[in-house]
Amino acid sequence: MVVISGVVYALAYLVFGAITYFFFTRAYYPDAVGTAQRLGLWLWAIQIGRGVLMTLAVLPAIYTLRLGRWQAALAIGALTG
């Protein structure tokens, strides 16, 4: 599940990062596409690893909560968001 969370994070990064880049920040980062292309598959390895680390970072907080699944998800989302 932790690795799947990392992959889901990378997919969300792709979708929401593209929206943010194309509509808001393209003018500020004109060489971003070239940088991402130079990283190649490393970009995705980094993002999946980042998602796994973020998941592992919140697992202790999730396990200490005595709440239902939805309440825990909302509480952790409010804390990290």
PDB file of N, CA and C in Angstrom:
ATOM      1  N   MET A   1       0.810  -1.202   0.000  1.00  0.00           N
ATOM      2  CA  MET A   1       0.000   0.000   0.000  1.00  0.00           C
ATOM      3  C   MET A   1       0.851   1.263   0.000  1.00  0.00           C
ATOM      4  N   VAL A   2       2.000   1.219   0.666  1.00  0.00           N
ATOM      5  CA  VAL A   2       2.856   2.407   0.730  1.00  0.00           C
ATOM      6  C   VAL A   2       3.396   2.739  -0.657  1.00  0.00           C
ATOM      7  N   VAL A   3       3.821   1.721  -1.395  1.00  0.00           N
ATOM      8  CA  VAL A   3       4.337   1.953  -2.752  1.00  0.00           C
ATOM      9  C   VAL A   3       3.217   2.434  -3.667  1.00  0.00           C
ATOM     10  N   ILE A   4       2.028   1.874  -3.510  1.00  0.00           N
ATOM     11  CA  ILE A   4       0.890   2.331  -4.306  1.00  0.00           C
ATOM     12  C   ILE A   4       0.589   3.793  -3.996  1.00  0.00           C
ATOM     13  N   SER A   5       0.711   4.180  -2.739  1.00  0.00           N
ATOM     14  CA  SER A   5       0.524   5.588  -2.366  1.00  0.00           C
ATOM     15  C   SER A   5       1.546   6.472  -3.069  1.00  0.00           C
ATOM     16  N   GLY A   6       2.778   5.983  -3.190  1.00  0.00           N
ATOM     17  CA  GLY A   6       3.803   6.731  -3.906  1.00  0.00           C
ATOM     18  C   GLY A   6       3.466   6.908  -5.374  1.00  0.00           C
ATOM     19  N   VAL A   7       2.933   5.868  -5.996  1.00  0.00           N
ATOM     20  CA  VAL A   7       2.546   5.945  -7.412  1.00  0.00           C
ATOM     21  C   VAL A   7       1.359   6.894  -7.584  1.00  0.00           C
ATOM     22  N   VAL A   8       0.393   6.808  -6.683  1.00  0.00           N
ATOM     23  CA  VAL A   8      -0.755   7.719  -6.743  1.00  0.00           C
ATOM     24  C   VAL A   8      -0.289   9.160  -6.576  1.00  0.00           C
ATOM     25  N   TYR A   9       0.671   9.391  -5.674  1.00  0.00           N
ATOM     26  CA  TYR A   9       1.222  10.739  -5.506  1.00  0.00           C
ATOM     27  C   TYR A   9       1.851  11.212  -6.816  1.00  0.00           C
ATOM     28  N   ALA A  10       2.608  10.352  -7.481  1.00  0.00           N
ATOM     29  CA  ALA A  10       3.253  10.745  -8.736  1.00  0.00           C
ATOM     30  C   ALA A  10       2.217  11.080  -9.806  1.00  0.00           C
ATOM     31  N   LEU A  11       1.128  10.328  -9.859  1.00  0.00           N
ATOM     32  CA  LEU A  11       0.074  10.625 -10.833  1.00  0.00           C
ATOM     33  C   LEU A  11      -0.618  11.956 -10.509  1.00  0.00           C
ATOM     34  N   ALA A  12      -0.888  12.190  -9.225  1.00  0.00           N
ATOM     35  CA  ALA A  12      -1.483  13.468  -8.835  1.00  0.00           C
ATOM     36  C   ALA A  12      -0.524  14.616  -9.123  1.00  0.00           C
ATOM     37  N   TYR A  13       0.773  14.380  -8.908  1.00  0.00           N
ATOM     38  CA  TYR A  13       1.795  15.378  -9.221  1.00  0.00           C
ATOM     39  C   TYR A  13       1.765  15.709 -10.707  1.00  0.00           C
ATOM     40  N   LEU A  14       1.618  14.700 -11.545  1.00  0.00           N
ATOM     41  CA  LEU A  14       1.567  14.904 -12.986  1.00  0.00           C
ATOM     42  C   LEU A  14       0.352  15.744 -13.376  1.00  0.00           C
ATOM     43  N   VAL A  15      -0.805  15.384 -12.892  1.00  0.00           N
ATOM     44  CA  VAL A  15      -2.037  16.078 -13.282  1.00  0.00           C
ATOM     45  C   VAL A  15      -2.063  17.507 -12.736  1.00  0.00           C
ATOM     46  N   PHE A  16      -1.933  17.649 -11.416  1.00  0.00           N
ATOM     47  CA  PHE A  16      -2.065  18.977 -10.824  1.00  0.00           C
ATOM     48  C   PHE A  16      -0.842  19.852 -11.091  1.00  0.00           C
ATOM     49  N   GLY A  17       0.322  19.240 -11.216  1.00  0.00           N
ATOM     50  CA  GLY A  17       1.510  20.002 -11.581  1.00  0.00           C
ATOM     51  C   GLY A  17       1.404  20.560 -12.985  1.00  0.00           C
ATOM     52  N   ALA A  18       0.855  19.776 -13.917  1.00  0.00           N
ATOM     53  CA  ALA A  18       0.677  20.258 -15.290  1.00  0.00           C
ATOM     54  C   ALA A  18      -0.322  21.410 -15.339  1.00  0.00           C
ATOM     55  N   ILE A  19      -1.423  21.265 -14.613  1.00  0.00           N
ATOM     56  CA  ILE A  19      -2.414  22.348 -14.572  1.00  0.00           C
ATOM     57  C   ILE A  19      -1.793  23.621 -14.016  1.00  0.00           C
ATOM     58  N   THR A  20      -1.086  23.498 -12.908  1.00  0.00           N
ATOM     59  CA  THR A  20      -0.457  24.664 -12.289  1.00  0.00           C
ATOM     60  C   THR A  20       0.584  25.279 -13.213  1.00  0.00           C
ATOM     61  N   TYR A  21       1.409  24.421 -13.835  1.00  0.00           N
ATOM     62  CA  TYR A  21       2.461  24.935 -14.709  1.00  0.00           C
ATOM     63  C   TYR A  21       1.870  25.672 -15.908  1.00  0.00           C
ATOM     64  N   PHE A  22       0.938  25.032 -16.615  1.00  0.00           N
ATOM     65  CA  PHE A  22       0.428  25.624 -17.846  1.00  0.00           C
ATOM     66  C   PHE A  22      -0.403  26.878 -17.616  1.00  0.00           C
ATOM     67  N   PHE A  23      -1.111  26.955 -16.493  1.00  0.00           N
ATOM     68  CA  PHE A  23      -1.991  28.097 -16.283  1.00  0.00           C
ATOM     69  C   PHE A  23      -1.399  29.200 -15.412  1.00  0.00           C
ATOM     70  N   PHE A  24      -0.404  28.876 -14.579  1.00  0.00           N
ATOM     71  CA  PHE A  24       0.042  29.880 -13.608  1.00  0.00           C
ATOM     72  C   PHE A  24       1.541  30.167 -13.600  1.00  0.00           C
ATOM     73  N   THR A  25       2.398  29.172 -13.765  1.00  0.00           N
ATOM     74  CA  THR A  25       3.820  29.399 -13.491  1.00  0.00           C
ATOM     75  C   THR A  25       4.743  29.246 -14.699  1.00  0.00           C
ATOM     76  N   ARG A  26       4.215  29.034 -15.875  1.00  0.00           N
ATOM     77  CA  ARG A  26       5.071  28.833 -17.045  1.00  0.00           C
ATOM     78  C   ARG A  26       5.992  30.020 -17.296  1.00  0.00           C
ATOM     79  N   ALA A  27       5.508  31.225 -17.082  1.00  0.00           N
ATOM     80  CA  ALA A  27       6.318  32.428 -17.325  1.00  0.00           C
ATOM     81  C   ALA A  27       7.494  32.526 -16.356  1.00  0.00           C
ATOM     82  N   TYR A  28       7.354  31.950 -15.183  1.00  0.00           N
ATOM     83  CA  TYR A  28       8.410  32.043 -14.170  1.00  0.00           C
ATOM     84  C   TYR A  28       9.470  30.948 -14.297  1.00  0.00           C
ATOM     85  N   TYR A  29       9.124  29.860 -14.979  1.00  0.00           N
ATOM     86  CA  TYR A  29      10.053  28.730 -15.151  1.00  0.00           C
ATOM     87  C   TYR A  29      10.140  28.353 -16.624  1.00  0.00           C
ATOM     88  N   PRO A  30      10.773  29.172 -17.448  1.00  0.00           N
ATOM     89  CA  PRO A  30      10.790  28.895 -18.888  1.00  0.00           C
ATOM     90  C   PRO A  30      11.601  27.652 -19.268  1.00  0.00           C
ATOM     91  N   ASP A  31      12.536  27.229 -18.427  1.00  0.00           N
ATOM     92  CA  ASP A  31      13.355  26.059 -18.768  1.00  0.00           C
ATOM     93  C   ASP A  31      12.904  24.789 -18.046  1.00  0.00           C
ATOM     94  N   ALA A  32      11.701  24.799 -17.483  1.00  0.00           N
ATOM     95  CA  ALA A  32      11.223  23.649 -16.699  1.00  0.00           C
ATOM     96  C   ALA A  32      11.060  22.392 -17.553  1.00  0.00           C
ATOM     97  N   VAL A  33      10.582  22.531 -18.766  1.00  0.00           N
ATOM     98  CA  VAL A  33      10.380  21.362 -19.625  1.00  0.00           C
ATOM     99  C   VAL A  33      11.726  20.718 -19.948  1.00  0.00           C
ATOM    100  N   GLY A  34      12.712  21.523 -20.246  1.00  0.00           N
ATOM    101  CA  GLY A  34      14.049  20.990 -20.529  1.00  0.00           C
ATOM    102  C   GLY A  34      14.656  20.289 -19.329  1.00  0.00           C
ATOM    103  N   THR A  35      14.457  20.850 -18.154  1.00  0.00           N
ATOM    104  CA  THR A  35      14.959  20.228 -16.931  1.00  0.00           C
ATOM    105  C   THR A  35      14.293  18.882 -16.698  1.00  0.00           C
ATOM    106  N   ALA A  36      12.983  18.813 -16.877  1.00  0.00           N
ATOM    107  CA  ALA A  36      12.258  17.549 -16.698  1.00  0.00           C
ATOM    108  C   ALA A  36      12.693  16.528 -17.738  1.00  0.00           C
ATOM    109  N   GLN A  37      12.937  16.958 -18.960  1.00  0.00           N
ATOM    110  CA  GLN A  37      13.380  16.033 -20.000  1.00  0.00           C
ATOM    111  C   GLN A  37      14.780  15.506 -19.714  1.00  0.00           C
ATOM    112  N   ARG A  38      15.647  16.345 -19.177  1.00  0.00           N
ATOM    113  CA  ARG A  38      17.001  15.898 -18.841  1.00  0.00           C
ATOM    114  C   ARG A  38      16.976  14.858 -17.725  1.00  0.00           C
ATOM    115  N   LEU A  39      16.049  15.000 -16.782  1.00  0.00           N
ATOM    116  CA  LEU A  39      15.944  14.019 -15.703  1.00  0.00           C
ATOM    117  C   LEU A  39      15.399  12.680 -16.211  1.00  0.00           C
ATOM    118  N   GLY A  40      14.558  12.721 -17.220  1.00  0.00           N
ATOM    119  CA  GLY A  40      14.026  11.497 -17.809  1.00  0.00           C
ATOM    120  C   GLY A  40      13.250  10.663 -16.788  1.00  0.00           C
ATOM    121  N   LEU A  41      13.558   9.376 -16.729  1.00  0.00           N
ATOM    122  CA  LEU A  41      12.865   8.477 -15.808  1.00  0.00           C
ATOM    123  C   LEU A  41      13.220   8.750 -14.354  1.00  0.00           C
ATOM    124  N   TRP A  42      14.334   9.434 -14.114  1.00  0.00           N
ATOM    125  CA  TRP A  42      14.692   9.786 -12.744  1.00  0.00           C
ATOM    126  C   TRP A  42      13.645  10.689 -12.116  1.00  0.00           C
ATOM    127  N   LEU A  43      13.008  11.541 -12.917  1.00  0.00           N
ATOM    128  CA  LEU A  43      11.964  12.414 -12.394  1.00  0.00           C
ATOM    129  C   LEU A  43      10.862  11.592 -11.730  1.00  0.00           C
ATOM    130  N   TRP A  44      10.444  10.525 -12.393  1.00  0.00           N
ATOM    131  CA  TRP A  44       9.367   9.689 -11.847  1.00  0.00           C
ATOM    132  C   TRP A  44       9.851   8.867 -10.667  1.00  0.00           C
ATOM    133  N   ALA A  45      11.081   8.417 -10.691  1.00  0.00           N
ATOM    134  CA  ALA A  45      11.628   7.697  -9.539  1.00  0.00           C
ATOM    135  C   ALA A  45      11.691   8.625  -8.321  1.00  0.00           C
ATOM    136  N   ILE A  46      12.089   9.860  -8.548  1.00  0.00           N
ATOM    137  CA  ILE A  46      12.149  10.842  -7.460  1.00  0.00           C
ATOM    138  C   ILE A  46      10.754  11.115  -6.921  1.00  0.00           C
ATOM    139  N   GLN A  47       9.771  11.299  -7.802  1.00  0.00           N
ATOM    140  CA  GLN A  47       8.419  11.628  -7.352  1.00  0.00           C
ATOM    141  C   GLN A  47       7.743  10.453  -6.647  1.00  0.00           C
ATOM    142  N   ILE A  48       7.956   9.236  -7.132  1.00  0.00           N
ATOM    143  CA  ILE A  48       7.398   8.062  -6.451  1.00  0.00           C
ATOM    144  C   ILE A  48       8.064   7.898  -5.088  1.00  0.00           C
ATOM    145  N   GLY A  49       9.370   8.084  -5.033  1.00  0.00           N
ATOM    146  CA  GLY A  49      10.074   8.036  -3.752  1.00  0.00           C
ATOM    147  C   GLY A  49       9.588   9.105  -2.802  1.00  0.00           C
ATOM    148  N   ARG A  50       9.325  10.279  -3.323  1.00  0.00           N
ATOM    149  CA  ARG A  50       8.801  11.376  -2.500  1.00  0.00           C
ATOM    150  C   ARG A  50       7.422  11.025  -1.931  1.00  0.00           C
ATOM    151  N   GLY A  51       6.585  10.430  -2.760  1.00  0.00           N
ATOM    152  CA  GLY A  51       5.267  10.012  -2.297  1.00  0.00           C
ATOM    153  C   GLY A  51       5.340   8.930  -1.231  1.00  0.00           C
ATOM    154  N   VAL A  52       6.269   7.980  -1.409  1.00  0.00           N
ATOM    155  CA  VAL A  52       6.455   6.921  -0.409  1.00  0.00           C
ATOM    156  C   VAL A  52       6.928   7.521   0.905  1.00  0.00           C
ATOM    157  N   LEU A  53       7.885   8.438   0.841  1.00  0.00           N
ATOM    158  CA  LEU A  53       8.381   9.071   2.068  1.00  0.00           C
ATOM    159  C   LEU A  53       7.305   9.894   2.768  1.00  0.00           C
ATOM    160  N   MET A  54       6.472  10.590   2.011  1.00  0.00           N
ATOM    161  CA  MET A  54       5.384  11.346   2.622  1.00  0.00           C
ATOM    162  C   MET A  54       4.378  10.417   3.290  1.00  0.00           C
ATOM    163  N   THR A  55       4.100   9.294   2.653  1.00  0.00           N
ATOM    164  CA  THR A  55       3.185   8.316   3.244  1.00  0.00           C
ATOM    165  C   THR A  55       3.765   7.757   4.532  1.00  0.00           C
ATOM    166  N   LEU A  56       5.039   7.399   4.501  1.00  0.00           N
ATOM    167  CA  LEU A  56       5.678   6.867   5.702  1.00  0.00           C
ATOM    168  C   LEU A  56       5.735   7.910   6.820  1.00  0.00           C
ATOM    169  N   ALA A  57       5.833   9.172   6.446  1.00  0.00           N
ATOM    170  CA  ALA A  57       5.909  10.236   7.452  1.00  0.00           C
ATOM    171  C   ALA A  57       4.600  10.407   8.215  1.00  0.00           C
ATOM    172  N   VAL A  58       3.462  10.163   7.561  1.00  0.00           N
ATOM    173  CA  VAL A  58       2.180  10.359   8.246  1.00  0.00           C
ATOM    174  C   VAL A  58       1.616   9.075   8.850  1.00  0.00           C
ATOM    175  N   LEU A  59       2.219   7.924   8.554  1.00  0.00           N
ATOM    176  CA  LEU A  59       1.698   6.674   9.114  1.00  0.00           C
ATOM    177  C   LEU A  59       1.658   6.664  10.642  1.00  0.00           C
ATOM    178  N   PRO A  60       2.685   7.140  11.339  1.00  0.00           N
ATOM    179  CA  PRO A  60       2.565   7.155  12.805  1.00  0.00           C
ATOM    180  C   PRO A  60       1.385   7.986  13.305  1.00  0.00           C
ATOM    181  N   ALA A  61       1.127   9.114  12.674  1.00  0.00           N
ATOM    182  CA  ALA A  61      -0.014   9.936  13.079  1.00  0.00           C
ATOM    183  C   ALA A  61      -1.335   9.234  12.789  1.00  0.00           C
ATOM    184  N   ILE A  62      -1.397   8.543  11.659  1.00  0.00           N
ATOM    185  CA  ILE A  62      -2.627   7.818  11.311  1.00  0.00           C
ATOM    186  C   ILE A  62      -2.901   6.712  12.322  1.00  0.00           C
ATOM    187  N   TYR A  63      -1.865   5.969  12.679  1.00  0.00           N
ATOM    188  CA  TYR A  63      -2.057   4.844  13.599  1.00  0.00           C
ATOM    189  C   TYR A  63      -2.358   5.280  15.035  1.00  0.00           C
ATOM    190  N   THR A  64      -1.984   6.493  15.409  1.00  0.00           N
ATOM    191  CA  THR A  64      -2.270   6.927  16.772  1.00  0.00           C
ATOM    192  C   THR A  64      -3.673   7.504  16.917  1.00  0.00           C
ATOM    193  N   LEU A  65      -4.312   7.851  15.809  1.00  0.00           N
ATOM    194  CA  LEU A  65      -5.667   8.390  15.884  1.00  0.00           C
ATOM    195  C   LEU A  65      -6.667   7.278  16.181  1.00  0.00           C
ATOM    196  N   ARG A  66      -7.592   7.556  17.034  1.00  0.00           N
ATOM    197  CA  ARG A  66      -8.651   6.596  17.370  1.00  0.00           C
ATOM    198  C   ARG A  66      -9.942   7.032  16.686  1.00  0.00           C
ATOM    199  N   LEU A  67      -9.870   7.172  15.380  1.00  0.00           N
ATOM    200  CA  LEU A  67     -11.009   7.638  14.595  1.00  0.00           C
ATOM    201  C   LEU A  67     -11.329   6.633  13.504  1.00  0.00           C
ATOM    202  N   GLY A  68     -12.480   6.801  12.904  1.00  0.00           N
ATOM    203  CA  GLY A  68     -12.828   6.002  11.738  1.00  0.00           C
ATOM    204  C   GLY A  68     -11.946   6.379  10.558  1.00  0.00           C
ATOM    205  N   ARG A  69     -12.071   5.607   9.505  1.00  0.00           N
ATOM    206  CA  ARG A  69     -11.212   5.814   8.331  1.00  0.00           C
ATOM    207  C   ARG A  69     -11.387   7.207   7.730  1.00  0.00           C
ATOM    208  N   TRP A  70     -12.637   7.634   7.521  1.00  0.00           N
ATOM    209  CA  TRP A  70     -12.871   8.939   6.905  1.00  0.00           C
ATOM    210  C   TRP A  70     -12.438  10.079   7.813  1.00  0.00           C
ATOM    211  N   GLN A  71     -12.718   9.962   9.101  1.00  0.00           N
ATOM    212  CA  GLN A  71     -12.325  11.018  10.025  1.00  0.00           C
ATOM    213  C   GLN A  71     -10.806  11.122  10.113  1.00  0.00           C
ATOM    214  N   ALA A  72     -10.124   9.992  10.127  1.00  0.00           N
ATOM    215  CA  ALA A  72      -8.658  10.004  10.149  1.00  0.00           C
ATOM    216  C   ALA A  72      -8.101  10.627   8.873  1.00  0.00           C
ATOM    217  N   ALA A  73      -8.682  10.279   7.724  1.00  0.00           N
ATOM    218  CA  ALA A  73      -8.221  10.838   6.453  1.00  0.00           C
ATOM    219  C   ALA A  73      -8.401  12.353   6.434  1.00  0.00           C
ATOM    220  N   LEU A  74      -9.552  12.830   6.922  1.00  0.00           N
ATOM    221  CA  LEU A  74      -9.792  14.277   6.957  1.00  0.00           C
ATOM    222  C   LEU A  74      -8.844  14.975   7.929  1.00  0.00           C
ATOM    223  N   ALA A  75      -8.604  14.364   9.078  1.00  0.00           N
ATOM    224  CA  ALA A  75      -7.705  14.965  10.075  1.00  0.00           C
ATOM    225  C   ALA A  75      -6.280  15.049   9.543  1.00  0.00           C
ATOM    226  N   ILE A  76      -5.781  13.978   8.949  1.00  0.00           N
ATOM    227  CA  ILE A  76      -4.420  13.977   8.400  1.00  0.00           C
ATOM    228  C   ILE A  76      -4.330  14.939   7.217  1.00  0.00           C
ATOM    229  N   GLY A  77      -5.353  14.969   6.380  1.00  0.00           N
ATOM    230  CA  GLY A  77      -5.367  15.917   5.271  1.00  0.00           C
ATOM    231  C   GLY A  77      -5.347  17.359   5.726  1.00  0.00           C
ATOM    232  N   ALA A  78      -6.069  17.644   6.804  1.00  0.00           N
ATOM    233  CA  ALA A  78      -6.084  19.006   7.335  1.00  0.00           C
ATOM    234  C   ALA A  78      -4.733  19.361   7.948  1.00  0.00           C
ATOM    235  N   LEU A  79      -4.075  18.394   8.563  1.00  0.00           N
ATOM    236  CA  LEU A  79      -2.770  18.651   9.170  1.00  0.00           C
ATOM    237  C   LEU A  79      -1.679  18.853   8.121  1.00  0.00           C
ATOM    238  N   THR A  80      -1.712  18.091   7.043  1.00  0.00           N
ATOM    239  CA  THR A  80      -0.635  18.140   6.059  1.00  0.00           C
ATOM    240  C   THR A  80      -0.932  19.078   4.902  1.00  0.00           C
ATOM    241  N   GLY A  81      -2.167  19.411   4.693  1.00  0.00           N
ATOM    242  CA  GLY A  81      -2.553  20.235   3.548  1.00  0.00           C
ATOM    243  C   GLY A  81      -2.343  21.647   3.825  1.00  0.00           C
TER     244      GLY A  81
END
